[in-house]
Protein backbone atom coordinates (compact mmCIF):
# COMPACT_ATOMS: atom_id res chain seq x y z
CA MET A 1 -24.85 -132.97 132.61
CA ASN A 2 -26.02 -130.39 130.26
CA LYS A 3 -24.69 -126.94 131.49
CA ARG A 4 -27.95 -125.17 130.39
CA PHE A 5 -29.97 -127.50 132.62
CA LEU A 6 -27.93 -126.77 135.46
CA ALA A 7 -28.23 -122.98 134.95
CA GLY A 8 -32.07 -123.33 134.64
CA VAL A 9 -32.28 -125.36 137.97
CA PHE A 10 -30.20 -122.78 139.82
CA ALA A 11 -32.40 -119.93 138.47
CA LEU A 12 -35.62 -121.62 139.52
CA ALA A 13 -34.23 -122.27 142.86
CA MET A 14 -33.48 -118.54 143.24
CA VAL A 15 -37.00 -117.61 142.34
CA LEU A 16 -38.57 -120.17 144.67
CA GLY A 17 -36.19 -119.11 147.44
CA THR A 18 -37.55 -115.52 147.49
CA ALA A 19 -39.99 -114.79 150.15
CA ALA A 20 -42.63 -112.01 149.63
CA ALA A 21 -43.04 -109.30 152.24
CA PRO A 22 -46.48 -108.94 154.08
CA VAL A 23 -49.08 -106.79 152.21
CA SER A 24 -52.34 -105.26 153.19
CA GLU A 25 -55.76 -106.46 152.14
CA ALA A 26 -55.74 -104.30 149.09
CA GLY A 27 -52.55 -106.32 147.98
CA LEU A 28 -50.23 -103.50 148.37
CA ALA A 29 -47.65 -102.83 151.08
CA PRO A 30 -48.58 -100.11 153.56
CA ALA A 31 -47.30 -96.59 152.24
CA PHE A 32 -45.35 -96.11 155.51
CA ALA A 33 -43.36 -99.22 155.27
CA ILE A 34 -42.81 -99.98 151.63
CA SER A 35 -40.54 -102.78 150.71
CA ALA A 36 -40.06 -104.79 147.48
CA SER A 37 -42.79 -107.44 147.35
CA ALA A 38 -44.23 -110.00 144.76
CA GLU A 39 -47.93 -110.09 144.14
CA THR A 40 -50.66 -110.95 141.59
CA TYR A 41 -53.14 -108.80 139.76
CA ARG A 42 -55.56 -110.25 137.13
CA ASP A 43 -53.18 -111.97 134.69
CA TYR A 44 -49.98 -110.14 136.02
CA ASP A 45 -47.39 -111.23 138.48
CA TYR A 46 -45.93 -107.83 139.61
CA THR A 47 -43.56 -106.37 142.19
CA LEU A 48 -44.19 -103.32 144.43
CA LYS A 49 -40.95 -101.46 144.22
CA THR A 50 -39.30 -99.68 147.12
CA ASP A 51 -40.11 -96.35 145.33
CA GLY A 52 -43.90 -97.10 145.53
CA THR A 53 -44.31 -97.92 141.82
CA VAL A 54 -45.08 -101.19 140.22
CA ARG A 55 -42.92 -103.65 138.00
CA ILE A 56 -44.82 -106.19 135.98
CA ASP A 57 -42.83 -109.30 136.19
CA LYS A 58 -44.74 -111.83 134.22
CA TYR A 59 -47.94 -112.02 132.07
CA SER A 60 -49.78 -115.37 132.36
CA GLY A 61 -52.92 -114.61 130.53
CA SER A 62 -54.35 -115.94 127.19
CA ALA A 63 -55.73 -112.78 125.66
CA GLU A 64 -54.31 -111.59 122.37
CA ALA A 65 -54.96 -108.11 122.62
CA VAL A 66 -53.36 -106.75 125.67
CA GLU A 67 -53.39 -103.29 127.34
CA ILE A 68 -50.99 -102.93 130.25
CA PRO A 69 -52.65 -101.24 133.07
CA GLU A 70 -51.50 -97.73 133.90
CA THR A 71 -51.91 -98.44 137.57
CA ILE A 72 -52.25 -101.34 139.82
CA GLY A 73 -53.76 -100.76 143.36
CA GLY A 74 -53.31 -97.10 142.79
CA ARG A 75 -49.61 -97.49 142.04
CA THR A 76 -48.14 -96.39 138.63
CA VAL A 77 -46.88 -99.13 136.51
CA THR A 78 -43.28 -97.88 135.68
CA GLU A 79 -41.47 -101.01 134.63
CA ILE A 80 -41.88 -104.15 132.58
CA ALA A 81 -39.30 -106.81 133.59
CA GLY A 82 -36.98 -108.72 131.12
CA GLU A 83 -38.95 -111.65 129.47
CA ALA A 84 -42.32 -110.64 131.21
CA PHE A 85 -44.42 -111.65 128.21
CA TYR A 86 -41.86 -114.21 127.02
CA GLY A 87 -43.60 -116.76 124.68
CA SER A 88 -47.09 -115.41 125.07
CA SER A 89 -49.68 -115.61 122.54
CA ILE A 90 -50.51 -111.94 122.42
CA THR A 91 -50.92 -110.25 118.92
CA SER A 92 -51.08 -106.71 120.16
CA VAL A 93 -49.96 -104.70 123.21
CA VAL A 94 -50.47 -101.37 124.31
CA ILE A 95 -47.94 -99.79 126.67
CA PRO A 96 -49.11 -96.95 129.18
CA GLU A 97 -47.22 -93.48 129.55
CA GLY A 98 -45.89 -94.15 132.94
CA VAL A 99 -43.62 -97.10 131.73
CA THR A 100 -40.11 -95.97 132.02
CA SER A 101 -38.22 -99.19 131.88
CA ILE A 102 -38.87 -102.27 129.49
CA GLY A 103 -36.48 -105.00 130.33
CA ALA A 104 -34.34 -107.04 127.75
CA MET A 105 -36.62 -109.41 125.67
CA ALA A 106 -39.71 -108.48 127.50
CA PHE A 107 -41.69 -109.37 124.57
CA ALA A 108 -39.38 -112.15 123.12
CA ARG A 109 -40.84 -115.24 121.55
CA CYS A 110 -44.26 -113.74 121.02
CA SER A 111 -44.57 -115.41 117.71
CA SER A 112 -47.91 -113.75 116.90
CA LEU A 113 -47.23 -110.15 117.85
CA THR A 114 -47.63 -107.79 115.00
CA SER A 115 -49.04 -104.52 116.79
CA VAL A 116 -47.21 -102.32 119.33
CA ASP A 117 -48.64 -99.12 120.54
CA ILE A 118 -47.07 -96.66 123.21
CA ALA A 119 -48.85 -93.80 124.57
CA GLU A 120 -47.65 -90.52 122.84
CA THR A 121 -46.95 -89.07 126.24
CA ASN A 122 -44.68 -91.68 127.34
CA ARG A 123 -41.39 -89.93 128.01
CA SER A 124 -39.09 -93.00 127.76
CA TYR A 125 -40.27 -95.06 124.76
CA VAL A 126 -41.80 -94.62 121.22
CA ALA A 127 -43.17 -97.24 118.90
CA ILE A 128 -42.86 -96.62 115.06
CA ASP A 129 -44.58 -99.06 112.88
CA SER A 130 -44.83 -101.29 116.02
CA VAL A 131 -41.19 -101.27 116.57
CA ILE A 132 -40.11 -100.08 120.04
CA TYR A 133 -37.23 -97.61 120.40
CA THR A 134 -36.08 -95.45 123.53
CA LYS A 135 -37.54 -91.90 123.01
CA ASP A 136 -34.08 -90.60 121.86
CA MET A 137 -34.14 -93.40 119.15
CA LYS A 138 -30.64 -94.64 120.30
CA THR A 139 -31.66 -97.93 121.60
CA LEU A 140 -33.79 -100.55 119.64
CA VAL A 141 -35.80 -102.56 122.05
CA LEU A 142 -38.31 -104.62 120.06
CA VAL A 143 -38.84 -105.72 116.60
CA PRO A 144 -42.00 -107.81 116.44
CA ALA A 145 -41.36 -111.62 115.88
CA THR A 146 -43.63 -111.52 112.73
CA ARG A 147 -41.33 -109.23 110.63
CA THR A 148 -39.31 -110.74 107.77
CA SER A 149 -36.81 -107.94 107.36
CA TYR A 150 -35.80 -104.82 109.09
CA LYS A 151 -33.54 -101.85 108.34
CA ILE A 152 -32.38 -100.28 111.58
CA PRO A 153 -32.11 -96.45 111.31
CA ALA A 154 -28.84 -94.69 111.77
CA THR A 155 -29.85 -93.05 115.03
CA VAL A 156 -29.43 -96.43 116.93
CA THR A 157 -26.29 -97.23 118.83
CA LYS A 158 -27.66 -100.12 120.90
CA ILE A 159 -29.77 -103.14 120.18
CA ASP A 160 -31.22 -104.52 123.45
CA GLY A 161 -32.31 -108.19 122.63
CA ALA A 162 -34.61 -106.73 120.08
CA PHE A 163 -34.64 -109.64 117.48
CA ASN A 164 -34.77 -112.44 119.92
CA TYR A 165 -36.82 -115.23 118.42
CA CYS A 166 -37.91 -113.14 115.34
CA THR A 167 -38.48 -116.57 113.61
CA GLU A 168 -39.57 -115.29 110.41
CA ILE A 169 -36.89 -112.58 109.91
CA THR A 170 -34.39 -113.28 106.95
CA ASP A 171 -32.76 -109.93 106.29
CA ILE A 172 -31.37 -107.37 108.91
CA TYR A 173 -29.32 -104.40 107.98
CA ILE A 174 -27.33 -103.07 110.86
CA PRO A 175 -25.83 -99.42 110.57
CA LYS A 176 -22.21 -98.55 111.58
CA THR A 177 -23.56 -96.34 114.23
CA VAL A 178 -24.47 -99.43 116.31
CA THR A 179 -21.61 -100.14 118.88
CA ASP A 180 -23.47 -102.42 121.47
CA LEU A 181 -25.31 -105.61 120.72
CA GLY A 182 -27.13 -106.88 123.69
CA VAL A 183 -27.02 -110.47 124.99
CA SER A 184 -29.15 -112.93 122.93
CA THR A 185 -30.05 -110.10 120.52
CA PHE A 186 -30.56 -112.61 117.43
CA ARG A 187 -31.27 -115.72 119.34
CA GLY A 188 -33.66 -117.95 117.80
CA CYS A 189 -33.76 -116.18 114.35
CA LYS A 190 -34.09 -119.52 112.67
CA SER A 191 -34.87 -118.15 109.19
CA LEU A 192 -31.69 -115.70 109.14
CA LYS A 193 -29.24 -117.08 106.64
CA LYS A 194 -26.62 -114.14 106.50
CA LEU A 195 -25.53 -111.52 109.15
CA ALA A 196 -23.14 -108.77 108.51
CA LEU A 197 -22.08 -107.15 111.83
CA PRO A 198 -20.81 -103.57 111.46
CA GLU A 199 -17.22 -102.47 111.83
CA SER A 200 -18.22 -100.26 114.89
CA ILE A 201 -18.69 -103.17 117.36
CA THR A 202 -15.90 -104.46 119.53
CA LYS A 203 -17.77 -107.29 121.50
CA ILE A 204 -20.03 -110.01 120.52
CA PRO A 205 -22.10 -110.79 123.49
CA ASN A 206 -23.13 -114.17 125.14
CA SER A 207 -25.71 -116.06 123.01
CA MET A 208 -26.07 -113.47 120.45
CA CYS A 209 -27.02 -115.89 117.59
CA MET A 210 -27.82 -118.86 119.59
CA TYR A 211 -30.20 -121.19 117.89
CA CYS A 212 -30.02 -119.39 114.42
CA SER A 213 -30.37 -122.73 112.77
CA ALA A 214 -30.36 -121.46 109.26
CA LEU A 215 -27.35 -119.17 109.63
CA GLU A 216 -24.84 -119.99 106.84
CA GLU A 217 -22.68 -116.60 106.87
CA VAL A 218 -21.56 -114.31 109.54
CA THR A 219 -19.03 -111.42 109.20
CA ILE A 220 -17.02 -110.67 112.25
CA PRO A 221 -15.41 -107.24 112.15
CA GLU A 222 -11.73 -106.64 112.69
CA LYS A 223 -12.21 -104.43 115.84
CA VAL A 224 -14.00 -107.33 117.72
CA THR A 225 -11.85 -108.27 120.79
CA ASP A 226 -14.25 -110.62 122.79
CA ILE A 227 -16.82 -113.27 121.71
CA GLY A 228 -19.02 -114.35 124.39
CA ARG A 229 -20.09 -117.92 125.35
CA ASP A 230 -22.69 -119.59 123.22
CA ALA A 231 -22.52 -116.69 120.74
CA PHE A 232 -23.06 -119.05 117.79
CA TYR A 233 -24.36 -122.15 119.60
CA ASP A 234 -26.51 -124.49 117.58
CA CYS A 235 -25.96 -122.73 114.28
CA VAL A 236 -25.84 -125.87 112.66
CA MET A 237 -25.55 -124.58 108.97
CA LEU A 238 -22.55 -122.43 109.77
CA GLU A 239 -19.69 -124.37 108.28
CA LYS A 240 -16.90 -121.82 108.50
CA VAL A 241 -16.38 -118.68 110.50
CA THR A 242 -13.46 -116.24 109.73
CA VAL A 243 -12.11 -114.85 113.05
CA PRO A 244 -9.93 -111.73 112.95
CA ASP A 245 -6.52 -111.62 114.79
CA GLY A 246 -7.75 -108.86 117.26
CA VAL A 247 -10.10 -111.36 119.11
CA LYS A 248 -8.46 -112.18 122.43
CA ASN A 249 -11.17 -113.96 124.19
CA ILE A 250 -13.63 -116.61 123.14
CA GLY A 251 -16.21 -117.90 125.62
CA ASP A 252 -17.31 -121.61 126.03
CA CYS A 253 -19.30 -123.29 123.27
CA ALA A 254 -19.05 -119.90 121.24
CA PHE A 255 -18.50 -121.82 117.94
CA GLY A 256 -18.94 -125.40 116.64
CA TYR A 257 -21.29 -126.64 119.07
CA TYR A 258 -25.00 -127.91 119.12
CA ASN A 259 -27.46 -129.76 121.43
CA ASP A 260 -27.97 -133.34 120.34
CA GLY A 261 -30.46 -134.05 122.96
CA GLU A 262 -27.99 -135.23 125.43
CA GLY A 263 -25.70 -132.22 125.63
CA ASP A 264 -23.18 -130.11 123.85
CA THR A 265 -21.72 -131.87 120.75
CA LEU A 266 -19.25 -130.80 118.04
CA ILE A 267 -20.91 -129.85 114.85
CA PRO A 268 -19.32 -132.14 112.09
CA GLY A 269 -17.09 -130.47 109.56
CA PHE A 270 -17.23 -127.01 111.35
CA LYS A 271 -13.95 -125.00 110.79
CA LEU A 272 -12.65 -121.78 112.11
CA ARG A 273 -10.59 -119.66 109.61
CA CYS A 274 -7.74 -117.80 111.40
CA HIS A 275 -4.16 -117.16 111.59
CA SER A 276 -1.66 -119.19 113.48
CA GLY A 277 -0.93 -117.88 117.09
CA THR A 278 -4.30 -116.33 117.67
CA ALA A 279 -6.98 -116.95 120.18
CA ALA A 280 -9.04 -118.54 117.56
CA GLU A 281 -6.37 -121.06 116.83
CA ALA A 282 -6.16 -121.85 120.56
CA TYR A 283 -9.97 -122.15 120.93
CA ALA A 284 -10.18 -124.64 117.91
CA LYS A 285 -7.28 -126.80 119.24
CA LYS A 286 -8.80 -126.87 122.86
CA ASN A 287 -12.15 -127.78 121.36
CA LYS A 288 -10.81 -130.07 118.63
CA ILE A 289 -12.36 -127.94 115.98
CA GLY A 290 -11.02 -127.99 112.43
CA ILE A 291 -8.80 -125.11 111.50
CA GLU A 292 -8.38 -123.39 108.05
CA TYR A 293 -5.35 -121.27 108.31
CA ILE A 294 -5.56 -117.78 106.64
CA ALA A 295 -2.37 -117.35 104.53
CA VAL A 296 -0.48 -114.32 105.79
CA SER A 297 0.70 -111.87 103.23
CA LEU A 298 4.54 -111.58 102.87
CA GLU A 299 4.25 -108.20 101.26
CA LYS A 300 5.41 -106.45 104.44
CA ALA A 301 8.17 -108.99 105.24
CA ARG A 302 11.74 -108.01 105.89
CA ILE A 303 14.62 -109.45 104.01
CA GLU A 304 18.12 -109.61 105.11
CA VAL A 305 20.71 -110.75 102.68
CA PRO A 306 24.65 -110.30 102.66
CA ASP A 307 26.17 -108.70 99.61
CA VAL A 308 28.47 -110.69 97.74
CA VAL A 309 31.66 -110.58 95.45
CA TYR A 310 31.67 -111.35 91.85
CA ASN A 311 32.81 -114.75 90.91
CA GLY A 312 31.35 -115.20 87.28
CA LYS A 313 28.62 -117.69 88.64
CA ALA A 314 24.95 -117.08 89.53
CA GLN A 315 24.89 -116.42 93.10
CA LYS A 316 22.28 -117.38 95.62
CA PRO A 317 23.21 -116.02 99.09
CA ALA A 318 21.25 -117.37 102.09
CA LEU A 319 18.51 -115.06 103.33
CA LYS A 320 16.87 -114.16 106.59
CA VAL A 321 13.06 -113.39 106.16
CA THR A 322 11.21 -112.02 109.12
CA LEU A 323 7.64 -110.81 109.60
CA ASN A 324 5.99 -109.21 112.64
CA GLY A 325 9.24 -110.30 114.56
CA LYS A 326 8.89 -113.92 113.48
CA THR A 327 11.75 -115.52 111.46
CA LEU A 328 10.27 -117.64 108.67
CA LYS A 329 11.63 -120.99 107.32
CA LYS A 330 12.83 -121.69 103.76
CA ASP A 331 10.63 -124.23 101.93
CA THR A 332 8.27 -124.20 104.88
CA ASP A 333 6.98 -120.67 104.66
CA TYR A 334 8.46 -119.45 101.50
CA THR A 335 10.48 -120.18 98.37
CA ILE A 336 13.15 -118.05 96.61
CA THR A 337 13.59 -116.63 93.01
CA TYR A 338 16.75 -115.05 92.08
CA LYS A 339 17.07 -112.87 89.03
CA ASN A 340 20.04 -110.88 87.51
CA ASN A 341 22.33 -112.60 90.10
CA LYS A 342 25.31 -113.43 87.89
CA GLU A 343 26.95 -110.08 86.69
CA MET A 344 28.06 -107.39 88.91
CA GLY A 345 25.53 -104.73 90.10
CA LYS A 346 21.92 -105.24 91.79
CA ALA A 347 20.53 -108.82 91.86
CA ASP A 348 16.92 -109.29 92.52
CA ILE A 349 15.28 -111.64 95.16
CA TYR A 350 11.62 -112.74 95.22
CA VAL A 351 10.31 -114.30 98.23
CA ASN A 352 7.20 -116.21 97.72
CA GLY A 353 4.83 -117.30 100.31
CA ILE A 354 3.77 -120.96 100.64
CA ASN A 355 1.58 -123.08 103.00
CA ALA A 356 0.46 -120.38 105.79
CA TYR A 357 1.77 -117.53 103.70
CA SER A 358 0.98 -115.74 100.48
CA GLY A 359 2.03 -113.08 98.26
CA THR A 360 5.50 -111.95 97.25
CA CYS A 361 8.20 -109.69 98.89
CA LYS A 362 11.00 -108.29 96.77
CA GLY A 363 14.36 -107.42 97.88
CA TYR A 364 17.97 -107.18 96.28
CA PHE A 365 21.63 -107.70 97.03
CA ILE A 366 24.65 -106.35 95.41
CA ILE A 367 27.22 -108.19 93.59
CA PHE A 368 30.50 -106.04 94.13
CA PRO A 369 33.45 -106.01 91.99
CA LYS A 370 36.30 -108.30 93.18
CA LYS A 371 39.45 -107.00 94.67
CA VAL A 372 41.97 -105.70 92.28
CA LYS A 373 45.23 -107.74 92.20
CA THR A 374 49.02 -106.98 91.67
CA LEU A 375 48.91 -103.28 92.20
CA LYS A 376 52.63 -101.84 91.47
CA LEU A 377 53.79 -98.36 92.17
CA LYS A 378 57.03 -96.95 90.47
CA ALA A 379 58.93 -93.89 90.73
CA LEU A 380 59.76 -92.08 87.45
CA GLY A 381 61.87 -89.03 86.73
CA GLY A 382 60.42 -85.66 86.94
CA ARG A 383 58.89 -86.35 90.40
CA GLN A 384 56.26 -88.66 88.80
CA LEU A 385 54.72 -91.89 90.36
CA LYS A 386 53.18 -94.65 87.85
CA ALA A 387 50.76 -97.12 89.29
CA ASN A 388 49.90 -100.40 87.19
CA TRP A 389 47.29 -102.94 88.03
CA ASN A 390 45.32 -105.92 86.45
CA ARG A 391 42.22 -104.58 84.85
CA TYR A 392 38.73 -106.04 84.75
CA SER A 393 36.63 -105.70 81.65
CA LYS A 394 33.09 -105.67 83.39
CA VAL A 395 33.65 -102.91 85.78
CA THR A 396 32.75 -99.29 85.31
CA GLY A 397 36.08 -97.72 86.48
CA TYR A 398 38.67 -97.48 89.14
CA GLU A 399 39.48 -95.25 92.14
CA LEU A 400 43.33 -94.92 92.77
CA GLN A 401 44.76 -93.20 96.07
CA VAL A 402 48.34 -92.41 96.49
CA SER A 403 49.57 -90.90 99.94
CA ARG A 404 52.51 -90.31 102.24
CA SER A 405 50.35 -92.00 105.01
CA ARG A 406 50.45 -95.80 105.34
CA ASN A 407 46.73 -95.65 106.43
CA PHE A 408 45.76 -93.01 103.83
CA THR A 409 44.52 -90.51 106.48
CA SER A 410 46.50 -87.66 105.22
CA ALA A 411 48.25 -85.96 102.37
CA THR A 412 46.34 -88.29 100.04
CA ARG A 413 45.64 -87.76 96.28
CA LYS A 414 42.92 -89.41 94.37
CA ALA A 415 42.37 -90.26 90.81
CA ASP A 416 38.93 -91.28 89.29
CA ILE A 417 39.57 -93.50 86.34
CA LYS A 418 36.31 -93.99 84.31
CA LYS A 419 37.50 -96.67 81.82
CA ALA A 420 37.55 -100.31 82.67
CA ALA A 421 40.22 -101.01 80.05
CA THR A 422 42.81 -98.68 81.77
CA ASN A 423 45.43 -100.40 83.68
CA ASN A 424 47.87 -97.67 84.58
CA ARG A 425 47.97 -94.22 85.71
CA THR A 426 50.87 -91.58 85.90
CA MET A 427 50.73 -88.82 88.60
CA LYS A 428 52.82 -85.83 88.82
CA ASN A 429 54.42 -83.37 91.18
CA PHE A 430 55.42 -85.43 94.22
CA LYS A 431 58.25 -84.35 96.53
CA GLY A 432 61.39 -86.41 97.02
CA GLY A 433 62.53 -87.95 100.08
CA TYR A 434 59.35 -89.67 101.09
CA TYR A 435 57.71 -93.02 101.03
CA TYR A 436 54.66 -93.17 99.01
CA TYR A 437 51.91 -95.71 99.24
CA ALA A 438 49.14 -96.50 96.78
CA ARG A 439 45.94 -98.61 96.74
CA ILE A 440 43.18 -99.09 94.24
CA ARG A 441 39.73 -100.36 93.99
CA SER A 442 37.14 -101.00 91.04
CA TYR A 443 33.53 -100.00 90.95
CA ILE A 444 30.52 -100.37 88.99
CA THR A 445 27.71 -97.64 88.60
CA VAL A 446 24.03 -98.66 88.85
CA GLY A 447 21.77 -95.88 88.16
CA LYS A 448 23.38 -92.98 90.03
CA VAL A 449 25.01 -95.07 92.62
CA ARG A 450 28.53 -96.45 92.60
CA TYR A 451 29.31 -99.71 94.23
CA TYR A 452 33.05 -100.29 95.16
CA GLY A 453 35.00 -103.42 95.41
CA ALA A 454 37.51 -103.96 98.15
CA TRP A 455 40.88 -102.06 98.35
CA SER A 456 43.78 -103.74 96.76
CA ASP A 457 46.80 -104.66 98.72
CA THR A 458 49.03 -101.65 99.43
CA ALA A 459 51.96 -100.87 97.04
CA SER A 460 54.69 -98.46 98.02
CA VAL A 461 57.85 -96.86 96.77
CA VAL A 462 60.50 -94.34 98.11
CA CYS A 463 61.25 -91.32 96.15
CA LYS A 464 64.94 -90.30 96.15
CA TRP A 465 64.83 -87.27 94.04
């Protein structure tokens, strides 16, 4: 059964089940025993509140020009209940000075209402060009249903159902000062095609754009975390909505549903645009709604790649690519392009997004010189040592170390050899009677940085001078 029908039955039962308190002949409860009671005065259903003032609950008359009474039975009218004039045929209304509370959608669906006037002495509300605001201009209460466009002033921070069933409106400007959109604020705006919500809001309330049958485009701000039930119910022209990652909760029938006369039915072809792993994706899957995934940029992805040793061939080491803690898959989430990956030095990597990912992340790895082979160490006359090794033409140079320590931790001398063609070096002034150890490694220079290959095997010699 349609959930909206059940809700209506429940609400009706609550109303019918409310008993009125006894009243005097004048229609008002005695001053010495005031309790909330429901009564009728002319075309008004009203309630005598416990503070002795009157709340107008419903207008059932047929007059086009209405002046709300200042008092009923000697009691000041201080409140107009929500939906009190809902759907009436009034064209103008005058609100007296004593009214301090106007309920949400009090004049909703008054399709002929063009003129609203509020007593200048009213301390709670003001009407400017027939638009109702709270006196401080912070809450927008009512925009007459006959308006075709409206620019909300920057003083407003809250909209309290003000556009409900403004069936002619096509253009609404909402400033960034607005942080609170009331329930059903744009409900029934059947001529509204585009709605740009301000970046300042964090919640989209229940039924906000329900029955906006012409709505084709809506912008949901990045800061929104909650989208209420029926928020975009029966928006049959809305083919696609982009839902930000920050949205954590989405109410029932918020997107993709309309009433076909028998109940809630999916709108054919409707899709949610979202990232994978979000509440929007979960909502779409749960409700069997189409998903158009938003490609995630790889620009901030992290690339982990091992360094390699020169082998004369183009090298393509395996990568680990992560984004926001998730490890991505090659050929599913990305492809790889290698450049300058044959010669020693810095090789470039380009990780290119595919499918659910877009953009490119750039990284690099180092192709190090290979290990020097066949190092030999020879003792010469005159307390000299000579080292020989096989040279590599494509390196920048070599670093040679000679030490009396087998692990090169003390008494170590170093030689920086800056020519790749060099294959020997003689060093002087060594003391006799010791074992000497030598090792060598080649290096390349990229910019101002040296990249060293592995140390050679250790060569040794004893000096018997």
